[in-house]
PDB file of N, CA and C in Angstrom:
ATOM      1  N   MET A   1      81.989 -48.047 -37.005  1.00  0.00           N
ATOM      2  CA  MET A   1      82.989 -47.513 -37.890  1.00  0.00           C
ATOM      3  C   MET A   1      82.374 -46.328 -38.635  1.00  0.00           C
ATOM      4  N   VAL A   2      83.051 -45.206 -38.624  1.00  0.00           N
ATOM      5  CA  VAL A   2      82.580 -43.991 -39.266  1.00  0.00           C
ATOM      6  C   VAL A   2      82.624 -44.156 -40.780  1.00  0.00           C
ATOM      7  N   GLY A   3      81.561 -43.711 -41.430  1.00  0.00           N
ATOM      8  CA  GLY A   3      81.521 -43.752 -42.883  1.00  0.00           C
ATOM      9  C   GLY A   3      81.130 -45.089 -43.471  1.00  0.00           C
ATOM     10  N   ALA A   4      80.945 -46.099 -42.642  1.00  0.00           N
ATOM     11  CA  ALA A   4      80.547 -47.412 -43.155  1.00  0.00           C
ATOM     12  C   ALA A   4      79.078 -47.370 -43.557  1.00  0.00           C
ATOM     13  N   PRO A   5      78.731 -47.990 -44.689  1.00  0.00           N
ATOM     14  CA  PRO A   5      77.326 -47.996 -45.085  1.00  0.00           C
ATOM     15  C   PRO A   5      76.499 -48.771 -44.064  1.00  0.00           C
ATOM     16  N   THR A   6      75.301 -48.304 -43.847  1.00  0.00           N
ATOM     17  CA  THR A   6      74.406 -48.992 -42.916  1.00  0.00           C
ATOM     18  C   THR A   6      73.308 -49.681 -43.699  1.00  0.00           C
ATOM     19  N   GLN A   7      72.863 -50.787 -43.198  1.00  0.00           N
ATOM     20  CA  GLN A   7      71.766 -51.509 -43.807  1.00  0.00           C
ATOM     21  C   GLN A   7      70.456 -50.820 -43.437  1.00  0.00           C
ATOM     22  N   PRO A   8      69.525 -50.672 -44.388  1.00  0.00           N
ATOM     23  CA  PRO A   8      68.235 -50.124 -44.022  1.00  0.00           C
ATOM     24  C   PRO A   8      67.531 -51.102 -43.082  1.00  0.00           C
ATOM     25  N   PRO A   9      66.726 -50.593 -42.172  1.00  0.00           N
ATOM     26  CA  PRO A   9      66.058 -51.500 -41.238  1.00  0.00           C
ATOM     27  C   PRO A   9      65.068 -52.398 -41.965  1.00  0.00           C
ATOM     28  N   HIS A  10      65.009 -53.618 -41.556  1.00  0.00           N
ATOM     29  CA  HIS A  10      63.987 -54.512 -42.098  1.00  0.00           C
ATOM     30  C   HIS A  10      62.699 -54.218 -41.368  1.00  0.00           C
ATOM     31  N   ARG A  11      61.615 -54.292 -42.081  1.00  0.00           N
ATOM     32  CA  ARG A  11      60.322 -53.929 -41.523  1.00  0.00           C
ATOM     33  C   ARG A  11      59.337 -55.068 -41.723  1.00  0.00           C
ATOM     34  N   VAL A  12      58.291 -55.026 -40.938  1.00  0.00           N
ATOM     35  CA  VAL A  12      57.158 -55.924 -41.137  1.00  0.00           C
ATOM     36  C   VAL A  12      56.168 -55.146 -42.004  1.00  0.00           C
ATOM     37  N   TYR A  13      55.754 -55.744 -43.111  1.00  0.00           N
ATOM     38  CA  TYR A  13      54.872 -55.059 -44.059  1.00  0.00           C
ATOM     39  C   TYR A  13      53.479 -55.662 -44.049  1.00  0.00           C
ATOM     40  N   GLU A  14      52.491 -54.797 -44.311  1.00  0.00           N
ATOM     41  CA  GLU A  14      51.108 -55.213 -44.538  1.00  0.00           C
ATOM     42  C   GLU A  14      50.681 -54.641 -45.879  1.00  0.00           C
ATOM     43  N   ILE A  15      50.251 -55.513 -46.778  1.00  0.00           N
ATOM     44  CA  ILE A  15      49.781 -55.103 -48.100  1.00  0.00           C
ATOM     45  C   ILE A  15      48.290 -55.389 -48.153  1.00  0.00           C
ATOM     46  N   THR A  16      47.506 -54.388 -48.518  1.00  0.00           N
ATOM     47  CA  THR A  16      46.068 -54.577 -48.675  1.00  0.00           C
ATOM     48  C   THR A  16      45.730 -54.389 -50.148  1.00  0.00           C
ATOM     49  N   CYS A  17      44.938 -55.315 -50.695  1.00  0.00           N
ATOM     50  CA  CYS A  17      44.559 -55.229 -52.097  1.00  0.00           C
ATOM     51  C   CYS A  17      43.126 -55.705 -52.283  1.00  0.00           C
ATOM     52  N   ARG A  18      42.551 -55.304 -53.421  1.00  0.00           N
ATOM     53  CA  ARG A  18      41.225 -55.786 -53.807  1.00  0.00           C
ATOM     54  C   ARG A  18      41.408 -57.025 -54.659  1.00  0.00           C
ATOM     55  N   GLY A  19      40.607 -58.020 -54.374  1.00  0.00           N
ATOM     56  CA  GLY A  19      40.687 -59.251 -55.132  1.00  0.00           C
ATOM     57  C   GLY A  19      41.144 -60.386 -54.228  1.00  0.00           C
ATOM     58  N   VAL A  20      41.238 -61.548 -54.806  1.00  0.00           N
ATOM     59  CA  VAL A  20      41.558 -62.756 -54.053  1.00  0.00           C
ATOM     60  C   VAL A  20      42.787 -63.424 -54.661  1.00  0.00           C
ATOM     61  N   VAL A  21      43.722 -63.810 -53.800  1.00  0.00           N
ATOM     62  CA  VAL A  21      44.864 -64.605 -54.251  1.00  0.00           C
ATOM     63  C   VAL A  21      44.352 -66.042 -54.422  1.00  0.00           C
ATOM     64  N   PRO A  22      44.385 -66.570 -55.639  1.00  0.00           N
ATOM     65  CA  PRO A  22      43.885 -67.931 -55.849  1.00  0.00           C
ATOM     66  C   PRO A  22      44.656 -68.953 -55.006  1.00  0.00           C
ATOM     67  N   GLU A  23      43.957 -69.969 -54.560  1.00  0.00           N
ATOM     68  CA  GLU A  23      44.580 -71.021 -53.753  1.00  0.00           C
ATOM     69  C   GLU A  23      45.818 -71.589 -54.441  1.00  0.00           C
ATOM     70  N   ALA A  24      45.744 -71.769 -55.750  1.00  0.00           N
ATOM     71  CA  ALA A  24      46.855 -72.372 -56.498  1.00  0.00           C
ATOM     72  C   ALA A  24      48.112 -71.499 -56.470  1.00  0.00           C
ATOM     73  N   GLN A  25      47.969 -70.195 -56.210  1.00  0.00           N
ATOM     74  CA  GLN A  25      49.119 -69.298 -56.201  1.00  0.00           C
ATOM     75  C   GLN A  25      49.583 -68.923 -54.790  1.00  0.00           C
ATOM     76  N   ARG A  26      48.909 -69.357 -53.768  1.00  0.00           N
ATOM     77  CA  ARG A  26      49.270 -68.963 -52.399  1.00  0.00           C
ATOM     78  C   ARG A  26      50.682 -69.394 -52.017  1.00  0.00           C
ATOM     79  N   ASP A  27      51.140 -70.527 -52.536  1.00  0.00           N
ATOM     80  CA  ASP A  27      52.489 -70.984 -52.192  1.00  0.00           C
ATOM     81  C   ASP A  27      53.575 -70.084 -52.799  1.00  0.00           C
ATOM     82  N   GLU A  28      53.211 -69.213 -53.733  1.00  0.00           N
ATOM     83  CA  GLU A  28      54.157 -68.264 -54.321  1.00  0.00           C
ATOM     84  C   GLU A  28      54.462 -67.103 -53.367  1.00  0.00           C
ATOM     85  N   PHE A  29      53.735 -67.032 -52.272  1.00  0.00           N
ATOM     86  CA  PHE A  29      53.916 -65.956 -51.300  1.00  0.00           C
ATOM     87  C   PHE A  29      54.524 -66.509 -50.010  1.00  0.00           C
ATOM     88  N   ALA A  30      55.577 -67.303 -50.152  1.00  0.00           N
ATOM     89  CA  ALA A  30      56.270 -67.834 -48.980  1.00  0.00           C
ATOM     90  C   ALA A  30      56.795 -66.662 -48.155  1.00  0.00           C
ATOM     91  N   GLY A  31      56.628 -66.738 -46.849  1.00  0.00           N
ATOM     92  CA  GLY A  31      57.069 -65.663 -45.971  1.00  0.00           C
ATOM     93  C   GLY A  31      55.998 -64.619 -45.722  1.00  0.00           C
ATOM     94  N   TRP A  32      54.811 -64.844 -46.273  1.00  0.00           N
ATOM     95  CA  TRP A  32      53.690 -63.916 -46.101  1.00  0.00           C
ATOM     96  C   TRP A  32      52.469 -64.686 -45.604  1.00  0.00           C
ATOM     97  N   THR A  33      51.726 -64.074 -44.694  1.00  0.00           N
ATOM     98  CA  THR A  33      50.445 -64.626 -44.249  1.00  0.00           C
ATOM     99  C   THR A  33      49.342 -63.908 -45.014  1.00  0.00           C
ATOM    100  N   ILE A  34      48.436 -64.673 -45.594  1.00  0.00           N
ATOM    101  CA  ILE A  34      47.361 -64.102 -46.404  1.00  0.00           C
ATOM    102  C   ILE A  34      46.051 -64.263 -45.640  1.00  0.00           C
ATOM    103  N   SER A  35      45.351 -63.143 -45.441  1.00  0.00           N
ATOM    104  CA  SER A  35      44.030 -63.192 -44.808  1.00  0.00           C
ATOM    105  C   SER A  35      43.040 -62.466 -45.707  1.00  0.00           C
ATOM    106  N   ARG A  36      41.827 -62.957 -45.722  1.00  0.00           N
ATOM    107  CA  ARG A  36      40.828 -62.422 -46.640  1.00  0.00           C
ATOM    108  C   ARG A  36      39.635 -61.898 -45.880  1.00  0.00           C
ATOM    109  N   GLY A  37      39.250 -60.677 -46.219  1.00  0.00           N
ATOM    110  CA  GLY A  37      38.035 -60.086 -45.671  1.00  0.00           C
ATOM    111  C   GLY A  37      36.924 -60.195 -46.691  1.00  0.00           C
ATOM    112  N   GLU A  38      35.870 -59.427 -46.473  1.00  0.00           N
ATOM    113  CA  GLU A  38      34.724 -59.469 -47.380  1.00  0.00           C
ATOM    114  C   GLU A  38      35.084 -58.978 -48.783  1.00  0.00           C
ATOM    115  N   ARG A  39      35.850 -57.873 -48.848  1.00  0.00           N
ATOM    116  CA  ARG A  39      36.209 -57.305 -50.146  1.00  0.00           C
ATOM    117  C   ARG A  39      37.712 -57.203 -50.376  1.00  0.00           C
ATOM    118  N   LEU A  40      38.477 -57.292 -49.314  1.00  0.00           N
ATOM    119  CA  LEU A  40      39.908 -57.045 -49.403  1.00  0.00           C
ATOM    120  C   LEU A  40      40.720 -58.245 -48.955  1.00  0.00           C
ATOM    121  N   THR A  41      41.923 -58.334 -49.466  1.00  0.00           N
ATOM    122  CA  THR A  41      42.878 -59.344 -49.042  1.00  0.00           C
ATOM    123  C   THR A  41      44.064 -58.622 -48.415  1.00  0.00           C
ATOM    124  N   ARG A  42      44.571 -59.148 -47.312  1.00  0.00           N
ATOM    125  CA  ARG A  42      45.731 -58.547 -46.649  1.00  0.00           C
ATOM    126  C   ARG A  42      46.841 -59.581 -46.583  1.00  0.00           C
ATOM    127  N   LEU A  43      48.031 -59.157 -46.973  1.00  0.00           N
ATOM    128  CA  LEU A  43      49.235 -59.965 -46.829  1.00  0.00           C
ATOM    129  C   LEU A  43      50.093 -59.305 -45.769  1.00  0.00           C
ATOM    130  N   THR A  44      50.572 -60.081 -44.817  1.00  0.00           N
ATOM    131  CA  THR A  44      51.448 -59.576 -43.762  1.00  0.00           C
ATOM    132  C   THR A  44      52.716 -60.401 -43.784  1.00  0.00           C
ATOM    133  N   SER A  45      53.849 -59.712 -43.812  1.00  0.00           N
ATOM    134  CA  SER A  45      55.112 -60.461 -43.807  1.00  0.00           C
ATOM    135  C   SER A  45      55.226 -61.206 -42.480  1.00  0.00           C
ATOM    136  N   ASP A  46      55.701 -62.437 -42.557  1.00  0.00           N
ATOM    137  CA  ASP A  46      55.779 -63.295 -41.368  1.00  0.00           C
ATOM    138  C   ASP A  46      56.850 -62.844 -40.394  1.00  0.00           C
ATOM    139  N   GLY A  47      57.715 -61.965 -40.812  1.00  0.00           N
ATOM    140  CA  GLY A  47      58.784 -61.431 -39.970  1.00  0.00           C
ATOM    141  C   GLY A  47      59.387 -60.257 -40.702  1.00  0.00           C
ATOM    142  N   PRO A  48      60.503 -59.773 -40.247  1.00  0.00           N
ATOM    143  CA  PRO A  48      61.131 -58.650 -40.935  1.00  0.00           C
ATOM    144  C   PRO A  48      61.400 -58.997 -42.398  1.00  0.00           C
ATOM    145  N   ALA A  49      61.002 -58.086 -43.277  1.00  0.00           N
ATOM    146  CA  ALA A  49      61.176 -58.301 -44.712  1.00  0.00           C
ATOM    147  C   ALA A  49      61.985 -57.143 -45.291  1.00  0.00           C
ATOM    148  N   ASP A  50      62.731 -57.431 -46.336  1.00  0.00           N
ATOM    149  CA  ASP A  50      63.491 -56.372 -46.989  1.00  0.00           C
ATOM    150  C   ASP A  50      62.703 -55.835 -48.181  1.00  0.00           C
ATOM    151  N   GLN A  51      63.240 -54.808 -48.812  1.00  0.00           N
ATOM    152  CA  GLN A  51      62.572 -54.179 -49.948  1.00  0.00           C
ATOM    153  C   GLN A  51      62.370 -55.158 -51.101  1.00  0.00           C
ATOM    154  N   ALA A  52      63.322 -56.048 -51.318  1.00  0.00           N
ATOM    155  CA  ALA A  52      63.197 -57.009 -52.415  1.00  0.00           C
ATOM    156  C   ALA A  52      61.993 -57.924 -52.200  1.00  0.00           C
ATOM    157  N   SER A  53      61.790 -58.362 -50.979  1.00  0.00           N
ATOM    158  CA  SER A  53      60.645 -59.217 -50.665  1.00  0.00           C
ATOM    159  C   SER A  53      59.336 -58.464 -50.876  1.00  0.00           C
ATOM    160  N   LEU A  54      59.295 -57.213 -50.424  1.00  0.00           N
ATOM    161  CA  LEU A  54      58.097 -56.384 -50.605  1.00  0.00           C
ATOM    162  C   LEU A  54      57.793 -56.201 -52.087  1.00  0.00           C
ATOM    163  N   HIS A  55      58.789 -55.820 -52.868  1.00  0.00           N
ATOM    164  CA  HIS A  55      58.554 -55.581 -54.286  1.00  0.00           C
ATOM    165  C   HIS A  55      58.217 -56.859 -55.041  1.00  0.00           C
ATOM    166  N   GLY A  56      58.784 -57.976 -54.620  1.00  0.00           N
ATOM    167  CA  GLY A  56      58.420 -59.250 -55.229  1.00  0.00           C
ATOM    168  C   GLY A  56      56.949 -59.580 -55.004  1.00  0.00           C
ATOM    169  N   ALA A  57      56.467 -59.362 -53.788  1.00  0.00           N
ATOM    170  CA  ALA A  57      55.053 -59.618 -53.487  1.00  0.00           C
ATOM    171  C   ALA A  57      54.161 -58.660 -54.272  1.00  0.00           C
ATOM    172  N   LEU A  58      54.539 -57.384 -54.338  1.00  0.00           N
ATOM    173  CA  LEU A  58      53.742 -56.409 -55.094  1.00  0.00           C
ATOM    174  C   LEU A  58      53.695 -56.760 -56.579  1.00  0.00           C
ATOM    175  N   ASP A  59      54.821 -57.160 -57.141  1.00  0.00           N
ATOM    176  CA  ASP A  59      54.853 -57.550 -58.556  1.00  0.00           C
ATOM    177  C   ASP A  59      53.964 -58.751 -58.815  1.00  0.00           C
ATOM    178  N   ARG A  60      54.000 -59.722 -57.909  1.00  0.00           N
ATOM    179  CA  ARG A  60      53.192 -60.937 -58.097  1.00  0.00           C
ATOM    180  C   ARG A  60      51.703 -60.624 -57.991  1.00  0.00           C
ATOM    181  N   LEU A  61      51.330 -59.752 -57.034  1.00  0.00           N
ATOM    182  CA  LEU A  61      49.929 -59.350 -56.907  1.00  0.00           C
ATOM    183  C   LEU A  61      49.448 -58.652 -58.179  1.00  0.00           C
ATOM    184  N   ALA A  62      50.288 -57.775 -58.728  1.00  0.00           N
ATOM    185  CA  ALA A  62      49.929 -57.078 -59.969  1.00  0.00           C
ATOM    186  C   ALA A  62      49.762 -58.073 -61.116  1.00  0.00           C
ATOM    187  N   ALA A  63      50.643 -59.062 -61.184  1.00  0.00           N
ATOM    188  CA  ALA A  63      50.553 -60.072 -62.244  1.00  0.00           C
ATOM    189  C   ALA A  63      49.269 -60.889 -62.133  1.00  0.00           C
ATOM    190  N   LEU A  64      48.759 -61.025 -60.906  1.00  0.00           N
ATOM    191  CA  LEU A  64      47.499 -61.751 -60.689  1.00  0.00           C
ATOM    192  C   LEU A  64      46.281 -60.871 -60.934  1.00  0.00           C
ATOM    193  N   GLY A  65      46.511 -59.575 -61.205  1.00  0.00           N
ATOM    194  CA  GLY A  65      45.405 -58.668 -61.499  1.00  0.00           C
ATOM    195  C   GLY A  65      44.733 -58.077 -60.273  1.00  0.00           C
ATOM    196  N   LEU A  66      45.373 -58.172 -59.104  1.00  0.00           N
ATOM    197  CA  LEU A  66      44.798 -57.590 -57.906  1.00  0.00           C
ATOM    198  C   LEU A  66      45.137 -56.103 -57.851  1.00  0.00           C
ATOM    199  N   THR A  67      44.250 -55.311 -57.278  1.00  0.00           N
ATOM    200  CA  THR A  67      44.423 -53.863 -57.190  1.00  0.00           C
ATOM    201  C   THR A  67      44.993 -53.491 -55.835  1.00  0.00           C
ATOM    202  N   LEU A  68      46.131 -52.822 -55.842  1.00  0.00           N
ATOM    203  CA  LEU A  68      46.771 -52.383 -54.600  1.00  0.00           C
ATOM    204  C   LEU A  68      45.940 -51.283 -53.960  1.00  0.00           C
ATOM    205  N   VAL A  69      45.667 -51.419 -52.653  1.00  0.00           N
ATOM    206  CA  VAL A  69      44.925 -50.415 -51.899  1.00  0.00           C
ATOM    207  C   VAL A  69      45.852 -49.660 -50.960  1.00  0.00           C
ATOM    208  N   GLU A  70      46.717 -50.401 -50.252  1.00  0.00           N
ATOM    209  CA  GLU A  70      47.562 -49.766 -49.242  1.00  0.00           C
ATOM    210  C   GLU A  70      48.753 -50.652 -48.913  1.00  0.00           C
ATOM    211  N   VAL A  71      49.874 -50.008 -48.609  1.00  0.00           N
ATOM    212  CA  VAL A  71      51.042 -50.694 -48.055  1.00  0.00           C
ATOM    213  C   VAL A  71      51.410 -49.973 -46.775  1.00  0.00           C
ATOM    214  N   ARG A  72      51.527 -50.722 -45.697  1.00  0.00           N
ATOM    215  CA  ARG A  72      51.919 -50.155 -44.403  1.00  0.00           C
ATOM    216  C   ARG A  72      53.136 -50.912 -43.907  1.00  0.00           C
ATOM    217  N   HIS A  73      53.907 -50.267 -43.069  1.00  0.00           N
ATOM    218  CA  HIS A  73      55.068 -50.931 -42.489  1.00  0.00           C
ATOM    219  C   HIS A  73      55.201 -50.546 -41.033  1.00  0.00           C
ATOM    220  N   ARG A  74      55.902 -51.386 -40.323  1.00  0.00           N
ATOM    221  CA  ARG A  74      56.276 -51.058 -38.951  1.00  0.00           C
ATOM    222  C   ARG A  74      57.680 -51.598 -38.734  1.00  0.00           C
ATOM    223  N   SER A  75      58.403 -50.946 -37.896  1.00  0.00           N
ATOM    224  CA  SER A  75      59.745 -51.400 -37.580  1.00  0.00           C
ATOM    225  C   SER A  75      59.644 -52.757 -36.909  1.00  0.00           C
ATOM    226  N   ALA A  76      60.494 -53.664 -37.308  1.00  0.00           N
ATOM    227  CA  ALA A  76      60.473 -55.006 -36.705  1.00  0.00           C
ATOM    228  C   ALA A  76      60.845 -54.944 -35.233  1.00  0.00           C
ATOM    229  N   ALA A  77      61.641 -53.943 -34.849  1.00  0.00           N
ATOM    230  CA  ALA A  77      62.091 -53.839 -33.461  1.00  0.00           C
ATOM    231  C   ALA A  77      61.119 -53.086 -32.591  1.00  0.00           C
ATOM    232  N   VAL A  78      60.527 -52.013 -33.119  1.00  0.00           N
ATOM    233  CA  VAL A  78      59.721 -51.123 -32.296  1.00  0.00           C
ATOM    234  C   VAL A  78      58.244 -51.417 -32.383  1.00  0.00           C
ATOM    235  N   GLY A  79      57.767 -51.847 -33.563  1.00  0.00           N
ATOM    236  CA  GLY A  79      56.351 -52.128 -33.727  1.00  0.00           C
ATOM    237  C   GLY A  79      55.540 -50.920 -34.142  1.00  0.00           C
ATOM    238  N   GLN A  80      56.181 -49.822 -34.534  1.00  0.00           N
ATOM    239  CA  GLN A  80      55.460 -48.649 -34.981  1.00  0.00           C
ATOM    240  C   GLN A  80      54.977 -48.855 -36.394  1.00  0.00           C
ATOM    241  N   VAL A  81      53.787 -48.347 -36.693  1.00  0.00           N
ATOM    242  CA  VAL A  81      53.198 -48.500 -38.017  1.00  0.00           C
ATOM    243  C   VAL A  81      53.379 -47.215 -38.787  1.00  0.00           C
ATOM    244  N   GLY A  82      53.683 -47.338 -40.081  1.00  0.00           N
ATOM    245  CA  GLY A  82      53.817 -46.177 -40.954  1.00  0.00           C
ATOM    246  C   GLY A  82      53.214 -46.463 -42.301  1.00  0.00           C
ATOM    247  N   GLU A  83      53.150 -45.448 -43.145  1.00  0.00           N
ATOM    248  CA  GLU A  83      52.585 -45.626 -44.483  1.00  0.00           C
ATOM    249  C   GLU A  83      53.550 -45.150 -45.522  1.00  0.00           C
TER     250      GLU A  83
END
């Protein structure tokens, strides 16, 4: 239909931050997989996520005092990565 609003594409997001998500707070990140490296923590959405989910995770990380390093996304359909 011409002129109908379109939904923005849902994307798979990867959030990289400095610091550690405490075990007690990991359940607050439902829908995200948390992996920890030597200095960085990465959260990856378990499937296509919308902007609200992304911003909710970013807000929670900030509340925990973690430092945002990078946010990347890829189209859920194509698999392309962007920044």
